[in-house]
């Protein structure tokens, strides 16, 4: 059996993944993506969901390290994560970044 990672190591790994997801979201915002089947907005929102999931995992691991009081309520961690300033805004699913598109619709050239 393998040795389990410490909570601190798990949190550090999740923080790295969240940072990479934020960088990818920012890249998609500026450059779009090459996915021919989905608009850029769908991919940006998927990456946003990955960021939220990672931050929730971090919050849960961090909370498990501390003694919970009688007044701590499950689920409060989940709602607090949505307000984290690192979470990018949700975009319209039909959002397209590339030239020639506006709000998911091709603009006629000329």
PDB file of N, CA and C in Angstrom:
ATOM      1  N   UNK A   1       0.833  -1.194   0.000  1.00  0.00           N
ATOM      2  CA  UNK A   1       0.000   0.000   0.000  1.00  0.00           C
ATOM      3  C   UNK A   1       0.868   1.244   0.000  1.00  0.00           C
ATOM      4  N   UNK A   2       0.440   2.222  -0.738  1.00  0.00           N
ATOM      5  CA  UNK A   2       1.178   3.484  -0.803  1.00  0.00           C
ATOM      6  C   UNK A   2       0.879   4.357   0.397  1.00  0.00           C
ATOM      7  N   UNK A   3       1.820   5.200   0.680  1.00  0.00           N
ATOM      8  CA  UNK A   3       1.659   6.131   1.789  1.00  0.00           C
ATOM      9  C   UNK A   3       0.742   7.269   1.356  1.00  0.00           C
ATOM     10  N   UNK A   4      -0.242   7.592   2.191  1.00  0.00           N
ATOM     11  CA  UNK A   4      -1.159   8.684   1.856  1.00  0.00           C
ATOM     12  C   UNK A   4      -0.458  10.025   2.044  1.00  0.00           C
ATOM     13  N   UNK A   5      -0.822  10.977   1.189  1.00  0.00           N
ATOM     14  CA  UNK A   5      -0.259  12.321   1.286  1.00  0.00           C
ATOM     15  C   UNK A   5      -0.816  13.015   2.514  1.00  0.00           C
ATOM     16  N   UNK A   6      -0.017  13.883   3.087  1.00  0.00           N
ATOM     17  CA  UNK A   6      -0.500  14.694   4.195  1.00  0.00           C
ATOM     18  C   UNK A   6      -1.543  15.679   3.666  1.00  0.00           C
ATOM     19  N   UNK A   7      -2.337  16.186   4.569  1.00  0.00           N
ATOM     20  CA  UNK A   7      -3.351  17.164   4.180  1.00  0.00           C
ATOM     21  C   UNK A   7      -2.704  18.381   3.535  1.00  0.00           C
ATOM     22  N   UNK A   8      -1.583  18.821   4.089  1.00  0.00           N
ATOM     23  CA  UNK A   8      -0.889  19.990   3.538  1.00  0.00           C
ATOM     24  C   UNK A   8      -0.424  19.721   2.109  1.00  0.00           C
ATOM     25  N   UNK A   9       0.067  18.511   1.855  1.00  0.00           N
ATOM     26  CA  UNK A   9       0.519  18.167   0.505  1.00  0.00           C
ATOM     27  C   UNK A   9      -0.666  18.096  -0.464  1.00  0.00           C
ATOM     28  N   UNK A  10      -1.790  17.572  -0.002  1.00  0.00           N
ATOM     29  CA  UNK A  10      -2.986  17.512  -0.836  1.00  0.00           C
ATOM     30  C   UNK A  10      -3.471  18.920  -1.185  1.00  0.00           C
ATOM     31  N   UNK A  11      -3.470  19.802  -0.179  1.00  0.00           N
ATOM     32  CA  UNK A  11      -3.899  21.184  -0.399  1.00  0.00           C
ATOM     33  C   UNK A  11      -2.961  21.870  -1.389  1.00  0.00           C
ATOM     34  N   UNK A  12      -1.654  21.674  -1.231  1.00  0.00           N
ATOM     35  CA  UNK A  12      -0.678  22.288  -2.135  1.00  0.00           C
ATOM     36  C   UNK A  12      -0.894  21.805  -3.573  1.00  0.00           C
ATOM     37  N   UNK A  13      -1.166  20.520  -3.743  1.00  0.00           N
ATOM     38  CA  UNK A  13      -1.410  19.977  -5.077  1.00  0.00           C
ATOM     39  C   UNK A  13      -2.687  20.567  -5.676  1.00  0.00           C
ATOM     40  N   UNK A  14      -3.726  20.689  -4.875  1.00  0.00           N
ATOM     41  CA  UNK A  14      -4.978  21.277  -5.347  1.00  0.00           C
ATOM     42  C   UNK A  14      -4.803  22.750  -5.691  1.00  0.00           C
ATOM     43  N   UNK A  15      -4.039  23.475  -4.889  1.00  0.00           N
ATOM     44  CA  UNK A  15      -3.774  24.898  -5.168  1.00  0.00           C
ATOM     45  C   UNK A  15      -3.080  25.054  -6.518  1.00  0.00           C
ATOM     46  N   UNK A  16      -2.118  24.174  -6.795  1.00  0.00           N
ATOM     47  CA  UNK A  16      -1.413  24.207  -8.075  1.00  0.00           C
ATOM     48  C   UNK A  16      -2.390  23.955  -9.218  1.00  0.00           C
ATOM     49  N   UNK A  17      -3.262  22.961  -9.047  1.00  0.00           N
ATOM     50  CA  UNK A  17      -4.239  22.642 -10.092  1.00  0.00           C
ATOM     51  C   UNK A  17      -5.206  23.805 -10.313  1.00  0.00           C
ATOM     52  N   UNK A  18      -5.668  24.424  -9.220  1.00  0.00           N
ATOM     53  CA  UNK A  18      -6.577  25.567  -9.341  1.00  0.00           C
ATOM     54  C   UNK A  18      -5.895  26.702 -10.089  1.00  0.00           C
ATOM     55  N   UNK A  19      -4.635  26.968  -9.771  1.00  0.00           N
ATOM     56  CA  UNK A  19      -3.901  28.037 -10.457  1.00  0.00           C
ATOM     57  C   UNK A  19      -3.766  27.730 -11.947  1.00  0.00           C
ATOM     58  N   UNK A  20      -3.499  26.484 -12.286  1.00  0.00           N
ATOM     59  CA  UNK A  20      -3.404  26.101 -13.699  1.00  0.00           C
ATOM     60  C   UNK A  20      -4.757  26.268 -14.393  1.00  0.00           C
ATOM     61  N   UNK A  21      -5.838  25.921 -13.701  1.00  0.00           N
ATOM     62  CA  UNK A  21      -7.178  26.081 -14.269  1.00  0.00           C
ATOM     63  C   UNK A  21      -7.514  27.556 -14.484  1.00  0.00           C
ATOM     64  N   UNK A  22      -7.102  28.411 -13.554  1.00  0.00           N
ATOM     65  CA  UNK A  22      -7.328  29.855 -13.703  1.00  0.00           C
ATOM     66  C   UNK A  22      -6.551  30.377 -14.918  1.00  0.00           C
ATOM     67  N   UNK A  23      -5.311  29.951 -15.054  1.00  0.00           N
ATOM     68  CA  UNK A  23      -4.499  30.366 -16.202  1.00  0.00           C
ATOM     69  C   UNK A  23      -5.133  29.893 -17.505  1.00  0.00           C
ATOM     70  N   UNK A  24      -5.657  28.678 -17.530  1.00  0.00           N
ATOM     71  CA  UNK A  24      -6.305  28.155 -18.733  1.00  0.00           C
ATOM     72  C   UNK A  24      -7.574  28.950 -19.047  1.00  0.00           C
ATOM     73  N   UNK A  25      -8.369  29.295 -18.008  1.00  0.00           N
ATOM     74  CA  UNK A  25      -9.582  30.089 -18.217  1.00  0.00           C
ATOM     75  C   UNK A  25      -9.210  31.436 -18.835  1.00  0.00           C
ATOM     76  N   UNK A  26      -8.167  32.070 -18.303  1.00  0.00           N
ATOM     77  CA  UNK A  26      -7.718  33.361 -18.840  1.00  0.00           C
ATOM     78  C   UNK A  26      -7.233  33.219 -20.287  1.00  0.00           C
ATOM     79  N   UNK A  27      -6.549  32.119 -20.588  1.00  0.00           N
ATOM     80  CA  UNK A  27      -6.114  31.874 -21.963  1.00  0.00           C
ATOM     81  C   UNK A  27      -7.333  31.752 -22.884  1.00  0.00           C
ATOM     82  N   UNK A  28      -8.329  30.977 -22.448  1.00  0.00           N
ATOM     83  CA  UNK A  28      -9.544  30.815 -23.250  1.00  0.00           C
ATOM     84  C   UNK A  28     -10.252  32.148 -23.455  1.00  0.00           C
ATOM     85  N   UNK A  29     -10.228  32.992 -22.443  1.00  0.00           N
ATOM     86  CA  UNK A  29     -10.873  34.306 -22.529  1.00  0.00           C
ATOM     87  C   UNK A  29     -10.217  35.164 -23.606  1.00  0.00           C
ATOM     88  N   UNK A  30      -8.913  35.077 -23.709  1.00  0.00           N
ATOM     89  CA  UNK A  30      -8.171  35.892 -24.671  1.00  0.00           C
ATOM     90  C   UNK A  30      -8.095  35.269 -26.060  1.00  0.00           C
ATOM     91  N   UNK A  31      -7.978  33.948 -26.126  1.00  0.00           N
ATOM     92  CA  UNK A  31      -7.672  33.284 -27.391  1.00  0.00           C
ATOM     93  C   UNK A  31      -8.744  32.325 -27.890  1.00  0.00           C
ATOM     94  N   UNK A  32      -9.700  32.016 -27.050  1.00  0.00           N
ATOM     95  CA  UNK A  32     -10.681  31.017 -27.431  1.00  0.00           C
ATOM     96  C   UNK A  32     -10.050  29.639 -27.428  1.00  0.00           C
ATOM     97  N   UNK A  33     -10.754  28.673 -27.978  1.00  0.00           N
ATOM     98  CA  UNK A  33     -10.201  27.330 -28.045  1.00  0.00           C
ATOM     99  C   UNK A  33     -10.440  26.759 -29.433  1.00  0.00           C
ATOM    100  N   UNK A  34      -9.865  25.623 -29.693  1.00  0.00           N
ATOM    101  CA  UNK A  34      -9.953  25.013 -31.011  1.00  0.00           C
ATOM    102  C   UNK A  34     -10.970  23.882 -31.050  1.00  0.00           C
ATOM    103  N   UNK A  35     -11.863  23.834 -30.103  1.00  0.00           N
ATOM    104  CA  UNK A  35     -12.864  22.777 -30.053  1.00  0.00           C
ATOM    105  C   UNK A  35     -13.945  23.068 -31.093  1.00  0.00           C
ATOM    106  N   UNK A  36     -14.040  22.257 -32.143  1.00  0.00           N
ATOM    107  CA  UNK A  36     -15.000  22.553 -33.206  1.00  0.00           C
ATOM    108  C   UNK A  36     -16.455  22.247 -32.843  1.00  0.00           C
ATOM    109  N   UNK A  37     -16.660  21.550 -31.742  1.00  0.00           N
ATOM    110  CA  UNK A  37     -18.009  21.111 -31.396  1.00  0.00           C
ATOM    111  C   UNK A  37     -18.686  21.952 -30.325  1.00  0.00           C
ATOM    112  N   UNK A  38     -17.917  22.759 -29.616  1.00  0.00           N
ATOM    113  CA  UNK A  38     -18.478  23.542 -28.511  1.00  0.00           C
ATOM    114  C   UNK A  38     -18.023  24.994 -28.599  1.00  0.00           C
ATOM    115  N   UNK A  39     -18.910  25.938 -28.308  1.00  0.00           N
ATOM    116  CA  UNK A  39     -18.501  27.349 -28.253  1.00  0.00           C
ATOM    117  C   UNK A  39     -17.502  27.574 -27.113  1.00  0.00           C
ATOM    118  N   UNK A  40     -16.765  28.652 -27.213  1.00  0.00           N
ATOM    119  CA  UNK A  40     -15.761  28.980 -26.186  1.00  0.00           C
ATOM    120  C   UNK A  40     -16.389  29.122 -24.803  1.00  0.00           C
ATOM    121  N   UNK A  41     -17.592  29.672 -24.737  1.00  0.00           N
ATOM    122  CA  UNK A  41     -18.256  29.872 -23.446  1.00  0.00           C
ATOM    123  C   UNK A  41     -18.484  28.576 -22.688  1.00  0.00           C
ATOM    124  N   UNK A  42     -18.825  27.515 -23.395  1.00  0.00           N
ATOM    125  CA  UNK A  42     -19.033  26.214 -22.749  1.00  0.00           C
ATOM    126  C   UNK A  42     -17.730  25.738 -22.122  1.00  0.00           C
ATOM    127  N   UNK A  43     -16.627  25.850 -22.861  1.00  0.00           N
ATOM    128  CA  UNK A  43     -15.333  25.428 -22.342  1.00  0.00           C
ATOM    129  C   UNK A  43     -14.862  26.315 -21.190  1.00  0.00           C
ATOM    130  N   UNK A  44     -15.137  27.618 -21.274  1.00  0.00           N
ATOM    131  CA  UNK A  44     -14.759  28.529 -20.189  1.00  0.00           C
ATOM    132  C   UNK A  44     -15.552  28.198 -18.918  1.00  0.00           C
ATOM    133  N   UNK A  45     -16.839  27.908 -19.056  1.00  0.00           N
ATOM    134  CA  UNK A  45     -17.652  27.572 -17.895  1.00  0.00           C
ATOM    135  C   UNK A  45     -17.267  26.216 -17.302  1.00  0.00           C
ATOM    136  N   UNK A  46     -16.844  25.286 -18.157  1.00  0.00           N
ATOM    137  CA  UNK A  46     -16.361  24.005 -17.657  1.00  0.00           C
ATOM    138  C   UNK A  46     -15.099  24.218 -16.816  1.00  0.00           C
ATOM    139  N   UNK A  47     -14.193  25.039 -17.308  1.00  0.00           N
ATOM    140  CA  UNK A  47     -12.966  25.327 -16.558  1.00  0.00           C
ATOM    141  C   UNK A  47     -13.302  26.061 -15.260  1.00  0.00           C
ATOM    142  N   UNK A  48     -14.295  26.959 -15.311  1.00  0.00           N
ATOM    143  CA  UNK A  48     -14.760  27.661 -14.101  1.00  0.00           C
ATOM    144  C   UNK A  48     -15.263  26.653 -13.069  1.00  0.00           C
ATOM    145  N   UNK A  49     -15.999  25.642 -13.526  1.00  0.00           N
ATOM    146  CA  UNK A  49     -16.492  24.607 -12.617  1.00  0.00           C
ATOM    147  C   UNK A  49     -15.344  23.813 -12.003  1.00  0.00           C
ATOM    148  N   UNK A  50     -14.285  23.564 -12.769  1.00  0.00           N
ATOM    149  CA  UNK A  50     -13.103  22.884 -12.232  1.00  0.00           C
ATOM    150  C   UNK A  50     -12.473  23.721 -11.119  1.00  0.00           C
ATOM    151  N   UNK A  51     -12.420  25.028 -11.319  1.00  0.00           N
ATOM    152  CA  UNK A  51     -11.848  25.932 -10.314  1.00  0.00           C
ATOM    153  C   UNK A  51     -12.681  25.870  -9.033  1.00  0.00           C
ATOM    154  N   UNK A  52     -13.994  25.960  -9.164  1.00  0.00           N
ATOM    155  CA  UNK A  52     -14.877  25.907  -8.000  1.00  0.00           C
ATOM    156  C   UNK A  52     -14.724  24.580  -7.279  1.00  0.00           C
ATOM    157  N   UNK A  53     -14.679  23.481  -8.022  1.00  0.00           N
ATOM    158  CA  UNK A  53     -14.519  22.161  -7.417  1.00  0.00           C
ATOM    159  C   UNK A  53     -13.209  22.087  -6.630  1.00  0.00           C
ATOM    160  N   UNK A  54     -12.118  22.552  -7.241  1.00  0.00           N
ATOM    161  CA  UNK A  54     -10.821  22.526  -6.556  1.00  0.00           C
ATOM    162  C   UNK A  54     -10.826  23.358  -5.285  1.00  0.00           C
ATOM    163  N   UNK A  55     -11.431  24.538  -5.345  1.00  0.00           N
ATOM    164  CA  UNK A  55     -11.489  25.392  -4.150  1.00  0.00           C
ATOM    165  C   UNK A  55     -12.353  24.757  -3.059  1.00  0.00           C
ATOM    166  N   UNK A  56     -13.415  24.062  -3.449  1.00  0.00           N
ATOM    167  CA  UNK A  56     -14.247  23.355  -2.454  1.00  0.00           C
ATOM    168  C   UNK A  56     -13.457  22.235  -1.792  1.00  0.00           C
ATOM    169  N   UNK A  57     -12.685  21.499  -2.588  1.00  0.00           N
ATOM    170  CA  UNK A  57     -11.863  20.424  -2.033  1.00  0.00           C
ATOM    171  C   UNK A  57     -10.840  20.989  -1.047  1.00  0.00           C
ATOM    172  N   UNK A  58     -10.228  22.106  -1.413  1.00  0.00           N
ATOM    173  CA  UNK A  58      -9.254  22.749  -0.523  1.00  0.00           C
ATOM    174  C   UNK A  58      -9.932  23.170   0.780  1.00  0.00           C
ATOM    175  N   UNK A  59     -11.096  23.797   0.671  1.00  0.00           N
ATOM    176  CA  UNK A  59     -11.813  24.266   1.859  1.00  0.00           C
ATOM    177  C   UNK A  59     -12.193  23.094   2.761  1.00  0.00           C
ATOM    178  N   UNK A  60     -12.627  22.001   2.175  1.00  0.00           N
ATOM    179  CA  UNK A  60     -13.003  20.829   2.981  1.00  0.00           C
ATOM    180  C   UNK A  60     -11.797  20.221   3.673  1.00  0.00           C
ATOM    181  N   UNK A  61     -10.681  20.117   2.962  1.00  0.00           N
ATOM    182  CA  UNK A  61      -9.471  19.583   3.583  1.00  0.00           C
ATOM    183  C   UNK A  61      -8.995  20.503   4.698  1.00  0.00           C
ATOM    184  N   UNK A  62      -9.032  21.802   4.442  1.00  0.00           N
ATOM    185  CA  UNK A  62      -8.600  22.771   5.445  1.00  0.00           C
ATOM    186  C   UNK A  62      -9.506  22.714   6.668  1.00  0.00           C
ATOM    187  N   UNK A  63     -10.793  22.580   6.425  1.00  0.00           N
ATOM    188  CA  UNK A  63     -11.756  22.524   7.529  1.00  0.00           C
ATOM    189  C   UNK A  63     -11.584  21.246   8.342  1.00  0.00           C
ATOM    190  N   UNK A  64     -11.237  20.150   7.691  1.00  0.00           N
ATOM    191  CA  UNK A  64     -11.080  18.886   8.404  1.00  0.00           C
ATOM    192  C   UNK A  64      -9.878  18.921   9.346  1.00  0.00           C
ATOM    193  N   UNK A  65      -8.963  19.834   9.088  1.00  0.00           N
ATOM    194  CA  UNK A  65      -7.794  19.978   9.957  1.00  0.00           C
ATOM    195  C   UNK A  65      -8.137  20.705  11.260  1.00  0.00           C
ATOM    196  N   UNK A  66      -9.200  21.477  11.220  1.00  0.00           N
ATOM    197  CA  UNK A  66      -9.592  22.230  12.400  1.00  0.00           C
ATOM    198  C   UNK A  66     -10.747  21.534  13.095  1.00  0.00           C
ATOM    199  N   UNK A  67     -10.847  21.724  14.386  1.00  0.00           N
ATOM    200  CA  UNK A  67     -11.957  21.143  15.122  1.00  0.00           C
ATOM    201  C   UNK A  67     -13.213  21.934  14.794  1.00  0.00           C
ATOM    202  N   UNK A  68     -14.249  21.223  14.425  1.00  0.00           N
ATOM    203  CA  UNK A  68     -15.502  21.879  14.098  1.00  0.00           C
ATOM    204  C   UNK A  68     -16.268  22.203  15.369  1.00  0.00           C
ATOM    205  N   UNK A  69     -16.847  23.385  15.387  1.00  0.00           N
ATOM    206  CA  UNK A  69     -17.674  23.733  16.533  1.00  0.00           C
ATOM    207  C   UNK A  69     -19.084  23.231  16.295  1.00  0.00           C
ATOM    208  N   UNK A  70     -19.906  23.313  17.306  1.00  0.00           N
ATOM    209  CA  UNK A  70     -21.295  22.890  17.208  1.00  0.00           C
ATOM    210  C   UNK A  70     -22.031  23.768  16.206  1.00  0.00           C
ATOM    211  N   UNK A  71     -21.555  24.991  16.008  1.00  0.00           N
ATOM    212  CA  UNK A  71     -22.253  25.948  15.160  1.00  0.00           C
ATOM    213  C   UNK A  71     -21.845  25.864  13.690  1.00  0.00           C
ATOM    214  N   UNK A  72     -20.792  25.103  13.368  1.00  0.00           N
ATOM    215  CA  UNK A  72     -20.417  24.939  11.971  1.00  0.00           C
ATOM    216  C   UNK A  72     -21.473  24.102  11.267  1.00  0.00           C
ATOM    217  N   UNK A  73     -21.875  24.567  10.119  1.00  0.00           N
ATOM    218  CA  UNK A  73     -22.921  23.859   9.379  1.00  0.00           C
ATOM    219  C   UNK A  73     -22.349  23.307   8.088  1.00  0.00           C
ATOM    220  N   UNK A  74     -22.633  22.039   7.795  1.00  0.00           N
ATOM    221  CA  UNK A  74     -22.183  21.501   6.515  1.00  0.00           C
ATOM    222  C   UNK A  74     -22.805  22.299   5.376  1.00  0.00           C
ATOM    223  N   UNK A  75     -22.056  22.468   4.302  1.00  0.00           N
ATOM    224  CA  UNK A  75     -22.570  23.204   3.157  1.00  0.00           C
ATOM    225  C   UNK A  75     -22.145  24.657   3.141  1.00  0.00           C
ATOM    226  N   UNK A  76     -21.759  25.194   4.294  1.00  0.00           N
ATOM    227  CA  UNK A  76     -21.331  26.596   4.321  1.00  0.00           C
ATOM    228  C   UNK A  76     -20.058  26.773   3.506  1.00  0.00           C
ATOM    229  N   UNK A  77     -19.195  25.783   3.510  1.00  0.00           N
ATOM    230  CA  UNK A  77     -17.958  25.850   2.732  1.00  0.00           C
ATOM    231  C   UNK A  77     -18.297  25.993   1.257  1.00  0.00           C
ATOM    232  N   UNK A  78     -19.251  25.208   0.776  1.00  0.00           N
ATOM    233  CA  UNK A  78     -19.608  25.235  -0.637  1.00  0.00           C
ATOM    234  C   UNK A  78     -20.097  26.604  -1.087  1.00  0.00           C
ATOM    235  N   UNK A  79     -20.946  27.234  -0.286  1.00  0.00           N
ATOM    236  CA  UNK A  79     -21.489  28.524  -0.700  1.00  0.00           C
ATOM    237  C   UNK A  79     -20.441  29.629  -0.619  1.00  0.00           C
ATOM    238  N   UNK A  80     -19.506  29.519   0.295  1.00  0.00           N
ATOM    239  CA  UNK A  80     -18.469  30.537   0.436  1.00  0.00           C
ATOM    240  C   UNK A  80     -17.493  30.530  -0.748  1.00  0.00           C
ATOM    241  N   UNK A  81     -17.266  29.386  -1.338  1.00  0.00           N
ATOM    242  CA  UNK A  81     -16.312  29.258  -2.432  1.00  0.00           C
ATOM    243  C   UNK A  81     -16.743  30.076  -3.642  1.00  0.00           C
ATOM    244  N   UNK A  82     -18.032  30.141  -3.908  1.00  0.00           N
ATOM    245  CA  UNK A  82     -18.534  30.889  -5.063  1.00  0.00           C
ATOM    246  C   UNK A  82     -18.140  32.371  -4.990  1.00  0.00           C
ATOM    247  N   UNK A  83     -17.912  32.883  -3.783  1.00  0.00           N
ATOM    248  CA  UNK A  83     -17.549  34.291  -3.602  1.00  0.00           C
ATOM    249  C   UNK A  83     -16.045  34.517  -3.603  1.00  0.00           C
ATOM    250  N   UNK A  84     -15.268  33.460  -3.776  1.00  0.00           N
ATOM    251  CA  UNK A  84     -13.816  33.582  -3.806  1.00  0.00           C
ATOM    252  C   UNK A  84     -13.429  34.448  -5.009  1.00  0.00           C
ATOM    253  N   UNK A  85     -12.575  35.447  -4.810  1.00  0.00           N
ATOM    254  CA  UNK A  85     -12.203  36.338  -5.918  1.00  0.00           C
ATOM    255  C   UNK A  85     -11.448  35.639  -7.044  1.00  0.00           C
ATOM    256  N   UNK A  86     -10.930  34.440  -6.790  1.00  0.00           N
ATOM    257  CA  UNK A  86     -10.222  33.709  -7.849  1.00  0.00           C
ATOM    258  C   UNK A  86     -11.178  33.049  -8.839  1.00  0.00           C
ATOM    259  N   UNK A  87     -12.455  32.933  -8.461  1.00  0.00           N
ATOM    260  CA  UNK A  87     -13.430  32.295  -9.353  1.00  0.00           C
ATOM    261  C   UNK A  87     -13.813  33.274 -10.451  1.00  0.00           C
ATOM    262  N   UNK A  88     -13.548  32.911 -11.705  1.00  0.00           N
ATOM    263  CA  UNK A  88     -13.897  33.817 -12.809  1.00  0.00           C
ATOM    264  C   UNK A  88     -15.408  33.880 -13.003  1.00  0.00           C
ATOM    265  N   UNK A  89     -15.881  34.902 -13.673  1.00  0.00           N
ATOM    266  CA  UNK A  89     -17.323  35.024 -13.881  1.00  0.00           C
ATOM    267  C   UNK A  89     -17.830  33.966 -14.853  1.00  0.00           C
ATOM    268  N   UNK A  90     -19.089  33.637 -14.709  1.00  0.00           N
ATOM    269  CA  UNK A  90     -19.730  32.730 -15.655  1.00  0.00           C
ATOM    270  C   UNK A  90     -20.006  33.528 -16.931  1.00  0.00           C
ATOM    271  N   UNK A  91     -19.831  32.890 -18.073  1.00  0.00           N
ATOM    272  CA  UNK A  91     -20.082  33.544 -19.354  1.00  0.00           C
ATOM    273  C   UNK A  91     -21.229  32.823 -20.054  1.00  0.00           C
ATOM    274  N   UNK A  92     -21.797  33.472 -21.044  1.00  0.00           N
ATOM    275  CA  UNK A  92     -22.858  32.836 -21.831  1.00  0.00           C
ATOM    276  C   UNK A  92     -22.279  31.616 -22.536  1.00  0.00           C
ATOM    277  N   UNK A  93     -23.023  30.520 -22.540  1.00  0.00           N
ATOM    278  CA  UNK A  93     -22.528  29.299 -23.166  1.00  0.00           C
ATOM    279  C   UNK A  93     -22.213  29.491 -24.638  1.00  0.00           C
ATOM    280  N   UNK A  94     -22.906  30.417 -25.310  1.00  0.00           N
ATOM    281  CA  UNK A  94     -22.665  30.609 -26.745  1.00  0.00           C
ATOM    282  C   UNK A  94     -21.601  31.672 -27.030  1.00  0.00           C
ATOM    283  N   UNK A  95     -20.893  32.117 -25.997  1.00  0.00           N
ATOM    284  CA  UNK A  95     -19.834  33.119 -26.152  1.00  0.00           C
ATOM    285  C   UNK A  95     -18.715  32.574 -27.032  1.00  0.00           C
ATOM    286  N   UNK A  96     -18.276  33.378 -28.004  1.00  0.00           N
ATOM    287  CA  UNK A  96     -17.156  33.024 -28.867  1.00  0.00           C
ATOM    288  C   UNK A  96     -16.131  34.149 -28.839  1.00  0.00           C
ATOM    289  N   UNK A  97     -14.872  33.808 -28.708  1.00  0.00           N
ATOM    290  CA  UNK A  97     -13.795  34.788 -28.616  1.00  0.00           C
ATOM    291  C   UNK A  97     -13.257  35.161 -29.983  1.00  0.00           C
ATOM    292  N   UNK A  98     -13.148  34.197 -30.864  1.00  0.00           N
ATOM    293  CA  UNK A  98     -12.487  34.405 -32.152  1.00  0.00           C
ATOM    294  C   UNK A  98     -13.157  35.485 -32.988  1.00  0.00           C
ATOM    295  N   UNK A  99     -12.338  36.125 -33.824  1.00  0.00           N
ATOM    296  CA  UNK A  99     -12.846  37.121 -34.775  1.00  0.00           C
ATOM    297  C   UNK A  99     -13.886  36.473 -35.678  1.00  0.00           C
ATOM    298  N   UNK A 100     -14.863  37.262 -36.053  1.00  0.00           N
ATOM    299  CA  UNK A 100     -15.891  36.755 -36.939  1.00  0.00           C
ATOM    300  C   UNK A 100     -17.087  36.184 -36.192  1.00  0.00           C
ATOM    301  N   UNK A 101     -17.027  36.179 -34.869  1.00  0.00           N
ATOM    302  CA  UNK A 101     -18.131  35.661 -34.068  1.00  0.00           C
ATOM    303  C   UNK A 101     -18.518  36.693 -33.015  1.00  0.00           C
ATOM    304  N   UNK A 102     -19.779  36.759 -32.719  1.00  0.00           N
ATOM    305  CA  UNK A 102     -20.242  37.616 -31.638  1.00  0.00           C
ATOM    306  C   UNK A 102     -21.382  36.884 -30.940  1.00  0.00           C
ATOM    307  N   UNK A 103     -21.240  36.668 -29.659  1.00  0.00           N
ATOM    308  CA  UNK A 103     -22.244  35.955 -28.866  1.00  0.00           C
ATOM    309  C   UNK A 103     -22.642  34.629 -29.507  1.00  0.00           C
ATOM    310  N   UNK A 104     -21.648  33.914 -30.033  1.00  0.00           N
ATOM    311  CA  UNK A 104     -21.893  32.595 -30.575  1.00  0.00           C
ATOM    312  C   UNK A 104     -22.421  32.569 -31.987  1.00  0.00           C
ATOM    313  N   UNK A 105     -22.611  33.716 -32.591  1.00  0.00           N
ATOM    314  CA  UNK A 105     -23.149  33.757 -33.950  1.00  0.00           C
ATOM    315  C   UNK A 105     -22.101  34.314 -34.908  1.00  0.00           C
ATOM    316  N   UNK A 106     -21.971  33.686 -36.055  1.00  0.00           N
ATOM    317  CA  UNK A 106     -21.015  34.148 -37.052  1.00  0.00           C
ATOM    318  C   UNK A 106     -21.469  35.493 -37.616  1.00  0.00           C
ATOM    319  N   UNK A 107     -20.521  36.429 -37.701  1.00  0.00           N
ATOM    320  CA  UNK A 107     -20.798  37.744 -38.271  1.00  0.00           C
ATOM    321  C   UNK A 107     -20.432  37.697 -39.740  1.00  0.00           C
ATOM    322  N   UNK A 108     -21.299  38.205 -40.591  1.00  0.00           N
ATOM    323  CA  UNK A 108     -21.016  38.203 -42.025  1.00  0.00           C
ATOM    324  C   UNK A 108     -19.848  39.142 -42.314  1.00  0.00           C
ATOM    325  N   UNK A 109     -18.924  38.657 -43.099  1.00  0.00           N
ATOM    326  CA  UNK A 109     -17.754  39.472 -43.454  1.00  0.00           C
ATOM    327  C   UNK A 109     -18.148  40.524 -44.470  1.00  0.00           C
ATOM    328  N   UNK A 110     -17.561  41.730 -44.307  1.00  0.00           N
ATOM    329  CA  UNK A 110     -17.722  42.797 -45.274  1.00  0.00           C
ATOM    330  C   UNK A 110     -19.047  43.379 -45.223  1.00  0.00           C
TER     331      UNK A 110
END
